[in-house]
Amino acid sequence: MEIKKNIIFVGGIHGVGKTTICNNLSNELSIEHYSSSNLISMLDFERIKQDKRVEDIQDNQNMLLEAVKYFLDKDTFYLLDGHFCLINSDNIIQKVPVKVFEVLGIKGIIIISDYEHKILKRLKTRDNRDYSLEFIRRFQEEEIYYGSQVAKQIKVPIEIINISNEELDIITSVKELLYRGSKIES
């Protein structure tokens, strides 16, 4: 049961800057942007936790699929930011099932990364949460590795972008990914 949306999925761990990047890209490229957590919260406000831990990851992802099907038009391109891995209620990094990304019918993947110390600072400022540098490093490594595996398995183009790389032209990278993604046969 594929949803067949024109989605570029933008992954990365909490605090890496996905939403900021997506908002800038949305304005620059005139592409609608949604956060997975915002779509889920549009269906169920009570399930989004402030501390970023998810009690039932499968239920959370089923709600995402339902929200995408309900709120997003099939003929419009979207940036959807979210995660390949989540922190479960036991504070363990858990992979989102590949099936979720298959069902979304995404056209391409962008993974946003940054230096761990910068992510830690953002999380402390934004969420008033303290994580260890080691946890953030492992979380980001797992997100990038697993996101790359998902892209390979569902056969979509992928770009991994470190936002601290000042030489990187993110707009051009995303335009190329959109072009490649629109050429992929579904």
Foldseek 3Di string as FASTA:
>chain_A
DALQAAEAEEAFDPQLCRVVVQVVLCVVVVAAEDELVVLLCVVPVVQDDLVQAHADLQVSLVSSLVSCSPPPDRVGYYYYYDFQWGQHPVRDIGGRDLVSVRNHNYLYYEYEGEQLVSSQVRCCVPRVDHDDSVSSVVNRVCRVVSVVVSCVVNVHYYHYYYVVPPVDDVNVVVVVSSVNSVPDDD
